[in-house]
Amino acid sequence: MSVVRECLIAKPARGSAGKTGLWRTYRPVIDENRCNCCMLCWLYCPENVITRNGDRVEIDYEYCKGCGICSNVCVKKAIEMVLEV
């Protein structure tokens, strides 16, 4: 008897560092025209603040710390880090 296991990915709770949006310097902005919803950004996000909503990818800015990992792993270069205002 063989056991088939699903691929499990350990993800932190959303915003495990607390609400970090107030001290963020750069914010990731998604260019929806370039994004193909591959979800690599979600996979690598250390704060688990990226979600898929239908055919859109969304970022919860209250918990995003602006680390830029999502921008660096995006194959389509659809995420740009812009200065917080």
PDB file of N, CA and C in Angstrom:
ATOM      1  N   MET A   1       0.843  -1.173   0.000  1.00  0.00           N
ATOM      2  CA  MET A   1       0.000   0.000   0.000  1.00  0.00           C
ATOM      3  C   MET A   1       0.892   1.242   0.000  1.00  0.00           C
ATOM      4  N   SER A   2       0.699   2.093  -0.975  1.00  0.00           N
ATOM      5  CA  SER A   2       1.510   3.305  -1.046  1.00  0.00           C
ATOM      6  C   SER A   2       0.695   4.507  -0.578  1.00  0.00           C
ATOM      7  N   VAL A   3       1.390   5.425   0.024  1.00  0.00           N
ATOM      8  CA  VAL A   3       0.751   6.641   0.532  1.00  0.00           C
ATOM      9  C   VAL A   3       1.167   7.804  -0.357  1.00  0.00           C
ATOM     10  N   VAL A   4       0.197   8.509  -0.872  1.00  0.00           N
ATOM     11  CA  VAL A   4       0.474   9.682  -1.692  1.00  0.00           C
ATOM     12  C   VAL A   4       0.357  10.908  -0.799  1.00  0.00           C
ATOM     13  N   ARG A   5       1.409  11.688  -0.759  1.00  0.00           N
ATOM     14  CA  ARG A   5       1.401  12.890   0.068  1.00  0.00           C
ATOM     15  C   ARG A   5       1.286  14.116  -0.814  1.00  0.00           C
ATOM     16  N   GLU A   6       0.535  15.074  -0.348  1.00  0.00           N
ATOM     17  CA  GLU A   6       0.429  16.344  -1.058  1.00  0.00           C
ATOM     18  C   GLU A   6       1.647  17.190  -0.743  1.00  0.00           C
ATOM     19  N   CYS A   7       1.973  18.067  -1.628  1.00  0.00           N
ATOM     20  CA  CYS A   7       3.069  19.001  -1.411  1.00  0.00           C
ATOM     21  C   CYS A   7       2.604  20.055  -0.415  1.00  0.00           C
ATOM     22  N   LEU A   8       3.250  20.124   0.718  1.00  0.00           N
ATOM     23  CA  LEU A   8       2.877  21.085   1.748  1.00  0.00           C
ATOM     24  C   LEU A   8       3.886  22.219   1.789  1.00  0.00           C
ATOM     25  N   ILE A   9       3.398  23.417   1.899  1.00  0.00           N
ATOM     26  CA  ILE A   9       4.252  24.583   1.981  1.00  0.00           C
ATOM     27  C   ILE A   9       3.978  25.270   3.309  1.00  0.00           C
ATOM     28  N   ALA A  10       5.002  25.443   4.125  1.00  0.00           N
ATOM     29  CA  ALA A  10       4.841  26.129   5.403  1.00  0.00           C
ATOM     30  C   ALA A  10       4.823  27.630   5.152  1.00  0.00           C
ATOM     31  N   LYS A  11       3.777  28.283   5.588  1.00  0.00           N
ATOM     32  CA  LYS A  11       3.655  29.728   5.438  1.00  0.00           C
ATOM     33  C   LYS A  11       3.410  30.333   6.817  1.00  0.00           C
ATOM     34  N   PRO A  12       3.992  31.503   7.104  1.00  0.00           N
ATOM     35  CA  PRO A  12       3.712  32.146   8.381  1.00  0.00           C
ATOM     36  C   PRO A  12       2.292  32.687   8.398  1.00  0.00           C
ATOM     37  N   ALA A  13       1.820  32.984   9.572  1.00  0.00           N
ATOM     38  CA  ALA A  13       0.519  33.635   9.683  1.00  0.00           C
ATOM     39  C   ALA A  13       0.628  35.005   9.042  1.00  0.00           C
ATOM     40  N   ARG A  14      -0.479  35.504   8.500  1.00  0.00           N
ATOM     41  CA  ARG A  14      -0.457  36.812   7.850  1.00  0.00           C
ATOM     42  C   ARG A  14       0.042  37.858   8.837  1.00  0.00           C
ATOM     43  N   GLY A  15       1.048  38.597   8.411  1.00  0.00           N
ATOM     44  CA  GLY A  15       1.588  39.670   9.237  1.00  0.00           C
ATOM     45  C   GLY A  15       2.191  39.185  10.537  1.00  0.00           C
ATOM     46  N   SER A  16       3.004  38.148  10.469  1.00  0.00           N
ATOM     47  CA  SER A  16       3.573  37.565  11.684  1.00  0.00           C
ATOM     48  C   SER A  16       4.421  38.569  12.468  1.00  0.00           C
ATOM     49  N   ALA A  17       4.896  39.621  11.810  1.00  0.00           N
ATOM     50  CA  ALA A  17       5.681  40.651  12.491  1.00  0.00           C
ATOM     51  C   ALA A  17       4.793  41.781  13.010  1.00  0.00           C
ATOM     52  N   GLY A  18       3.477  41.651  12.876  1.00  0.00           N
ATOM     53  CA  GLY A  18       2.564  42.713  13.292  1.00  0.00           C
ATOM     54  C   GLY A  18       2.310  43.673  12.151  1.00  0.00           C
ATOM     55  N   LYS A  19       1.539  44.710  12.408  1.00  0.00           N
ATOM     56  CA  LYS A  19       1.258  45.710  11.376  1.00  0.00           C
ATOM     57  C   LYS A  19       2.522  46.522  11.127  1.00  0.00           C
ATOM     58  N   THR A  20       3.078  46.348   9.938  1.00  0.00           N
ATOM     59  CA  THR A  20       4.353  46.980   9.603  1.00  0.00           C
ATOM     60  C   THR A  20       4.213  48.069   8.554  1.00  0.00           C
ATOM     61  N   GLY A  21       3.016  48.297   8.077  1.00  0.00           N
ATOM     62  CA  GLY A  21       2.810  49.255   7.000  1.00  0.00           C
ATOM     63  C   GLY A  21       3.181  50.682   7.347  1.00  0.00           C
ATOM     64  N   LEU A  22       3.169  51.026   8.620  1.00  0.00           N
ATOM     65  CA  LEU A  22       3.460  52.401   9.019  1.00  0.00           C
ATOM     66  C   LEU A  22       4.936  52.755   8.928  1.00  0.00           C
ATOM     67  N   TRP A  23       5.829  51.790   9.030  1.00  0.00           N
ATOM     68  CA  TRP A  23       7.254  52.102   8.981  1.00  0.00           C
ATOM     69  C   TRP A  23       7.925  51.672   7.691  1.00  0.00           C
ATOM     70  N   ARG A  24       7.138  51.253   6.720  1.00  0.00           N
ATOM     71  CA  ARG A  24       7.675  50.801   5.435  1.00  0.00           C
ATOM     72  C   ARG A  24       8.204  52.011   4.653  1.00  0.00           C
ATOM     73  N   THR A  25       9.334  51.848   3.965  1.00  0.00           N
ATOM     74  CA  THR A  25       9.913  52.907   3.136  1.00  0.00           C
ATOM     75  C   THR A  25       9.501  52.753   1.681  1.00  0.00           C
ATOM     76  N   TYR A  26       9.502  51.515   1.185  1.00  0.00           N
ATOM     77  CA  TYR A  26       9.093  51.229  -0.193  1.00  0.00           C
ATOM     78  C   TYR A  26       7.900  50.291  -0.185  1.00  0.00           C
ATOM     79  N   ARG A  27       7.029  50.471  -1.156  1.00  0.00           N
ATOM     80  CA  ARG A  27       5.811  49.660  -1.270  1.00  0.00           C
ATOM     81  C   ARG A  27       5.829  48.953  -2.622  1.00  0.00           C
ATOM     82  N   PRO A  28       5.480  47.658  -2.647  1.00  0.00           N
ATOM     83  CA  PRO A  28       5.390  46.955  -3.923  1.00  0.00           C
ATOM     84  C   PRO A  28       4.075  47.295  -4.629  1.00  0.00           C
ATOM     85  N   VAL A  29       4.168  47.642  -5.896  1.00  0.00           N
ATOM     86  CA  VAL A  29       2.981  47.960  -6.697  1.00  0.00           C
ATOM     87  C   VAL A  29       2.953  47.001  -7.884  1.00  0.00           C
ATOM     88  N   ILE A  30       1.815  46.346  -8.070  1.00  0.00           N
ATOM     89  CA  ILE A  30       1.679  45.337  -9.123  1.00  0.00           C
ATOM     90  C   ILE A  30       1.140  45.969 -10.402  1.00  0.00           C
ATOM     91  N   ASP A  31       1.836  45.743 -11.505  1.00  0.00           N
ATOM     92  CA  ASP A  31       1.364  46.155 -12.830  1.00  0.00           C
ATOM     93  C   ASP A  31       0.493  45.019 -13.351  1.00  0.00           C
ATOM     94  N   GLU A  32      -0.814  45.209 -13.293  1.00  0.00           N
ATOM     95  CA  GLU A  32      -1.757  44.145 -13.670  1.00  0.00           C
ATOM     96  C   GLU A  32      -1.638  43.737 -15.136  1.00  0.00           C
ATOM     97  N   ASN A  33      -1.130  44.620 -15.985  1.00  0.00           N
ATOM     98  CA  ASN A  33      -0.966  44.291 -17.398  1.00  0.00           C
ATOM     99  C   ASN A  33       0.178  43.299 -17.626  1.00  0.00           C
ATOM    100  N   ARG A  34       1.157  43.290 -16.726  1.00  0.00           N
ATOM    101  CA  ARG A  34       2.298  42.378 -16.872  1.00  0.00           C
ATOM    102  C   ARG A  34       2.136  41.106 -16.049  1.00  0.00           C
ATOM    103  N   CYS A  35       1.369  41.173 -14.974  1.00  0.00           N
ATOM    104  CA  CYS A  35       1.224  40.041 -14.050  1.00  0.00           C
ATOM    105  C   CYS A  35       0.460  38.896 -14.710  1.00  0.00           C
ATOM    106  N   ASN A  36       1.014  37.678 -14.590  1.00  0.00           N
ATOM    107  CA  ASN A  36       0.328  36.503 -15.139  1.00  0.00           C
ATOM    108  C   ASN A  36      -0.205  35.599 -14.015  1.00  0.00           C
ATOM    109  N   CYS A  37      -0.236  36.113 -12.799  1.00  0.00           N
ATOM    110  CA  CYS A  37      -0.757  35.385 -11.624  1.00  0.00           C
ATOM    111  C   CYS A  37      -0.047  34.060 -11.382  1.00  0.00           C
ATOM    112  N   CYS A  38       1.252  34.014 -11.593  1.00  0.00           N
ATOM    113  CA  CYS A  38       2.005  32.782 -11.354  1.00  0.00           C
ATOM    114  C   CYS A  38       2.159  32.495  -9.861  1.00  0.00           C
ATOM    115  N   MET A  39       2.001  33.510  -9.028  1.00  0.00           N
ATOM    116  CA  MET A  39       2.024  33.421  -7.573  1.00  0.00           C
ATOM    117  C   MET A  39       3.402  33.110  -6.981  1.00  0.00           C
ATOM    118  N   LEU A  40       4.468  33.360  -7.726  1.00  0.00           N
ATOM    119  CA  LEU A  40       5.797  33.240  -7.138  1.00  0.00           C
ATOM    120  C   LEU A  40       5.971  34.260  -6.020  1.00  0.00           C
ATOM    121  N   CYS A  41       5.390  35.431  -6.200  1.00  0.00           N
ATOM    122  CA  CYS A  41       5.463  36.464  -5.164  1.00  0.00           C
ATOM    123  C   CYS A  41       4.836  35.953  -3.867  1.00  0.00           C
ATOM    124  N   TRP A  42       3.706  35.275  -3.975  1.00  0.00           N
ATOM    125  CA  TRP A  42       3.032  34.704  -2.812  1.00  0.00           C
ATOM    126  C   TRP A  42       3.912  33.651  -2.141  1.00  0.00           C
ATOM    127  N   LEU A  43       4.531  32.823  -2.945  1.00  0.00           N
ATOM    128  CA  LEU A  43       5.352  31.739  -2.433  1.00  0.00           C
ATOM    129  C   LEU A  43       6.529  32.259  -1.603  1.00  0.00           C
ATOM    130  N   TYR A  44       7.146  33.344  -2.050  1.00  0.00           N
ATOM    131  CA  TYR A  44       8.336  33.861  -1.389  1.00  0.00           C
ATOM    132  C   TYR A  44       8.060  34.948  -0.355  1.00  0.00           C
ATOM    133  N   CYS A  45       6.854  35.463  -0.274  1.00  0.00           N
ATOM    134  CA  CYS A  45       6.542  36.544   0.675  1.00  0.00           C
ATOM    135  C   CYS A  45       6.723  36.056   2.115  1.00  0.00           C
ATOM    136  N   PRO A  46       7.648  36.662   2.880  1.00  0.00           N
ATOM    137  CA  PRO A  46       7.888  36.201   4.250  1.00  0.00           C
ATOM    138  C   PRO A  46       6.761  36.558   5.221  1.00  0.00           C
ATOM    139  N   GLU A  47       5.886  37.453   4.842  1.00  0.00           N
ATOM    140  CA  GLU A  47       4.799  37.866   5.731  1.00  0.00           C
ATOM    141  C   GLU A  47       3.430  37.344   5.311  1.00  0.00           C
ATOM    142  N   ASN A  48       3.369  36.599   4.208  1.00  0.00           N
ATOM    143  CA  ASN A  48       2.121  35.999   3.734  1.00  0.00           C
ATOM    144  C   ASN A  48       1.021  37.054   3.531  1.00  0.00           C
ATOM    145  N   VAL A  49       1.375  38.163   2.884  1.00  0.00           N
ATOM    146  CA  VAL A  49       0.407  39.250   2.670  1.00  0.00           C
ATOM    147  C   VAL A  49      -0.080  39.341   1.227  1.00  0.00           C
ATOM    148  N   ILE A  50       0.344  38.411   0.382  1.00  0.00           N
ATOM    149  CA  ILE A  50      -0.060  38.420  -1.019  1.00  0.00           C
ATOM    150  C   ILE A  50      -1.124  37.348  -1.230  1.00  0.00           C
ATOM    151  N   THR A  51      -2.219  37.742  -1.859  1.00  0.00           N
ATOM    152  CA  THR A  51      -3.309  36.806  -2.113  1.00  0.00           C
ATOM    153  C   THR A  51      -3.764  36.940  -3.563  1.00  0.00           C
ATOM    154  N   ARG A  52      -4.483  35.927  -3.993  1.00  0.00           N
ATOM    155  CA  ARG A  52      -5.070  35.955  -5.339  1.00  0.00           C
ATOM    156  C   ARG A  52      -6.567  36.155  -5.189  1.00  0.00           C
ATOM    157  N   ASN A  53      -7.086  37.123  -5.910  1.00  0.00           N
ATOM    158  CA  ASN A  53      -8.513  37.425  -5.886  1.00  0.00           C
ATOM    159  C   ASN A  53      -9.009  37.339  -7.325  1.00  0.00           C
ATOM    160  N   GLY A  54      -9.499  36.170  -7.712  1.00  0.00           N
ATOM    161  CA  GLY A  54      -9.907  35.962  -9.107  1.00  0.00           C
ATOM    162  C   GLY A  54      -8.699  35.950 -10.011  1.00  0.00           C
ATOM    163  N   ASP A  55      -8.652  36.888 -10.947  1.00  0.00           N
ATOM    164  CA  ASP A  55      -7.505  36.965 -11.855  1.00  0.00           C
ATOM    165  C   ASP A  55      -6.576  38.122 -11.475  1.00  0.00           C
ATOM    166  N   ARG A  56      -6.637  38.545 -10.222  1.00  0.00           N
ATOM    167  CA  ARG A  56      -5.782  39.635  -9.718  1.00  0.00           C
ATOM    168  C   ARG A  56      -4.977  39.172  -8.517  1.00  0.00           C
ATOM    169  N   VAL A  57      -3.806  39.741  -8.370  1.00  0.00           N
ATOM    170  CA  VAL A  57      -2.976  39.511  -7.192  1.00  0.00           C
ATOM    171  C   VAL A  57      -3.054  40.774  -6.351  1.00  0.00           C
ATOM    172  N   GLU A  58      -3.289  40.602  -5.046  1.00  0.00           N
ATOM    173  CA  GLU A  58      -3.435  41.749  -4.151  1.00  0.00           C
ATOM    174  C   GLU A  58      -2.443  41.652  -3.002  1.00  0.00           C
ATOM    175  N   ILE A  59      -2.051  42.823  -2.489  1.00  0.00           N
ATOM    176  CA  ILE A  59      -1.109  42.907  -1.378  1.00  0.00           C
ATOM    177  C   ILE A  59      -1.790  43.632  -0.228  1.00  0.00           C
ATOM    178  N   ASP A  60      -1.703  43.068   0.967  1.00  0.00           N
ATOM    179  CA  ASP A  60      -2.250  43.700   2.161  1.00  0.00           C
ATOM    180  C   ASP A  60      -1.181  44.646   2.703  1.00  0.00           C
ATOM    181  N   TYR A  61      -1.335  45.932   2.413  1.00  0.00           N
ATOM    182  CA  TYR A  61      -0.314  46.912   2.764  1.00  0.00           C
ATOM    183  C   TYR A  61      -0.221  47.194   4.257  1.00  0.00           C
ATOM    184  N   GLU A  62      -1.214  46.836   5.036  1.00  0.00           N
ATOM    185  CA  GLU A  62      -1.119  47.030   6.486  1.00  0.00           C
ATOM    186  C   GLU A  62      -0.036  46.152   7.088  1.00  0.00           C
ATOM    187  N   TYR A  63       0.191  44.989   6.473  1.00  0.00           N
ATOM    188  CA  TYR A  63       1.165  44.046   7.009  1.00  0.00           C
ATOM    189  C   TYR A  63       2.423  43.911   6.161  1.00  0.00           C
ATOM    190  N   CYS A  64       2.426  44.464   4.950  1.00  0.00           N
ATOM    191  CA  CYS A  64       3.604  44.391   4.083  1.00  0.00           C
ATOM    192  C   CYS A  64       4.716  45.255   4.662  1.00  0.00           C
ATOM    193  N   LYS A  65       5.912  44.673   4.811  1.00  0.00           N
ATOM    194  CA  LYS A  65       7.021  45.448   5.372  1.00  0.00           C
ATOM    195  C   LYS A  65       7.916  46.061   4.304  1.00  0.00           C
ATOM    196  N   GLY A  66       7.597  45.830   3.036  1.00  0.00           N
ATOM    197  CA  GLY A  66       8.337  46.464   1.955  1.00  0.00           C
ATOM    198  C   GLY A  66       9.719  45.894   1.723  1.00  0.00           C
ATOM    199  N   CYS A  67       9.893  44.610   1.957  1.00  0.00           N
ATOM    200  CA  CYS A  67      11.220  43.998   1.830  1.00  0.00           C
ATOM    201  C   CYS A  67      11.681  43.881   0.383  1.00  0.00           C
ATOM    202  N   GLY A  68      10.735  43.807  -0.576  1.00  0.00           N
ATOM    203  CA  GLY A  68      11.082  43.748  -1.988  1.00  0.00           C
ATOM    204  C   GLY A  68      11.347  42.358  -2.535  1.00  0.00           C
ATOM    205  N   ILE A  69      11.179  41.337  -1.725  1.00  0.00           N
ATOM    206  CA  ILE A  69      11.407  39.971  -2.201  1.00  0.00           C
ATOM    207  C   ILE A  69      10.459  39.645  -3.346  1.00  0.00           C
ATOM    208  N   CYS A  70       9.202  40.053  -3.230  1.00  0.00           N
ATOM    209  CA  CYS A  70       8.219  39.780  -4.291  1.00  0.00           C
ATOM    210  C   CYS A  70       8.661  40.394  -5.615  1.00  0.00           C
ATOM    211  N   SER A  71       9.195  41.584  -5.545  1.00  0.00           N
ATOM    212  CA  SER A  71       9.663  42.265  -6.752  1.00  0.00           C
ATOM    213  C   SER A  71      10.856  41.547  -7.366  1.00  0.00           C
ATOM    214  N   ASN A  72      11.749  41.053  -6.523  1.00  0.00           N
ATOM    215  CA  ASN A  72      12.946  40.372  -7.017  1.00  0.00           C
ATOM    216  C   ASN A  72      12.652  39.023  -7.645  1.00  0.00           C
ATOM    217  N   VAL A  73      11.633  38.307  -7.156  1.00  0.00           N
ATOM    218  CA  VAL A  73      11.342  36.977  -7.696  1.00  0.00           C
ATOM    219  C   VAL A  73      10.368  37.001  -8.865  1.00  0.00           C
ATOM    220  N   CYS A  74       9.756  38.136  -9.141  1.00  0.00           N
ATOM    221  CA  CYS A  74       8.764  38.224 -10.211  1.00  0.00           C
ATOM    222  C   CYS A  74       9.437  38.081 -11.582  1.00  0.00           C
ATOM    223  N   VAL A  75       9.115  37.002 -12.269  1.00  0.00           N
ATOM    224  CA  VAL A  75       9.711  36.703 -13.571  1.00  0.00           C
ATOM    225  C   VAL A  75       9.284  37.725 -14.620  1.00  0.00           C
ATOM    226  N   LYS A  76       8.053  38.205 -14.528  1.00  0.00           N
ATOM    227  CA  LYS A  76       7.512  39.167 -15.487  1.00  0.00           C
ATOM    228  C   LYS A  76       7.880  40.611 -15.163  1.00  0.00           C
ATOM    229  N   LYS A  77       8.573  40.823 -14.046  1.00  0.00           N
ATOM    230  CA  LYS A  77       8.923  42.185 -13.579  1.00  0.00           C
ATOM    231  C   LYS A  77       7.665  43.038 -13.454  1.00  0.00           C
ATOM    232  N   ALA A  78       6.609  42.423 -12.909  1.00  0.00           N
ATOM    233  CA  ALA A  78       5.314  43.085 -12.776  1.00  0.00           C
ATOM    234  C   ALA A  78       5.166  43.805 -11.438  1.00  0.00           C
ATOM    235  N   ILE A  79       6.154  43.665 -10.559  1.00  0.00           N
ATOM    236  CA  ILE A  79       6.083  44.320  -9.254  1.00  0.00           C
ATOM    237  C   ILE A  79       7.215  45.316  -9.141  1.00  0.00           C
ATOM    238  N   GLU A  80       6.849  46.554  -8.945  1.00  0.00           N
ATOM    239  CA  GLU A  80       7.830  47.630  -8.817  1.00  0.00           C
ATOM    240  C   GLU A  80       7.795  48.168  -7.397  1.00  0.00           C
ATOM    241  N   MET A  81       8.961  48.393  -6.820  1.00  0.00           N
ATOM    242  CA  MET A  81       9.047  48.983  -5.498  1.00  0.00           C
ATOM    243  C   MET A  81       9.085  50.495  -5.657  1.00  0.00           C
ATOM    244  N   VAL A  82       8.083  51.171  -5.110  1.00  0.00           N
ATOM    245  CA  VAL A  82       8.001  52.632  -5.218  1.00  0.00           C
ATOM    246  C   VAL A  82       8.104  53.240  -3.836  1.00  0.00           C
ATOM    247  N   LEU A  83       8.670  54.434  -3.789  1.00  0.00           N
ATOM    248  CA  LEU A  83       8.859  55.146  -2.531  1.00  0.00           C
ATOM    249  C   LEU A  83       7.511  55.443  -1.880  1.00  0.00           C
ATOM    250  N   GLU A  84       7.402  55.124  -0.606  1.00  0.00           N
ATOM    251  CA  GLU A  84       6.176  55.382   0.148  1.00  0.00           C
ATOM    252  C   GLU A  84       6.004  56.886   0.329  1.00  0.00           C
ATOM    253  N   VAL A  85       4.791  57.370   0.190  1.00  0.00           N
ATOM    254  CA  VAL A  85       4.529  58.805   0.360  1.00  0.00           C
ATOM    255  C   VAL A  85       3.749  59.093   1.615  1.00  0.00           C
TER     256      VAL A  85
END
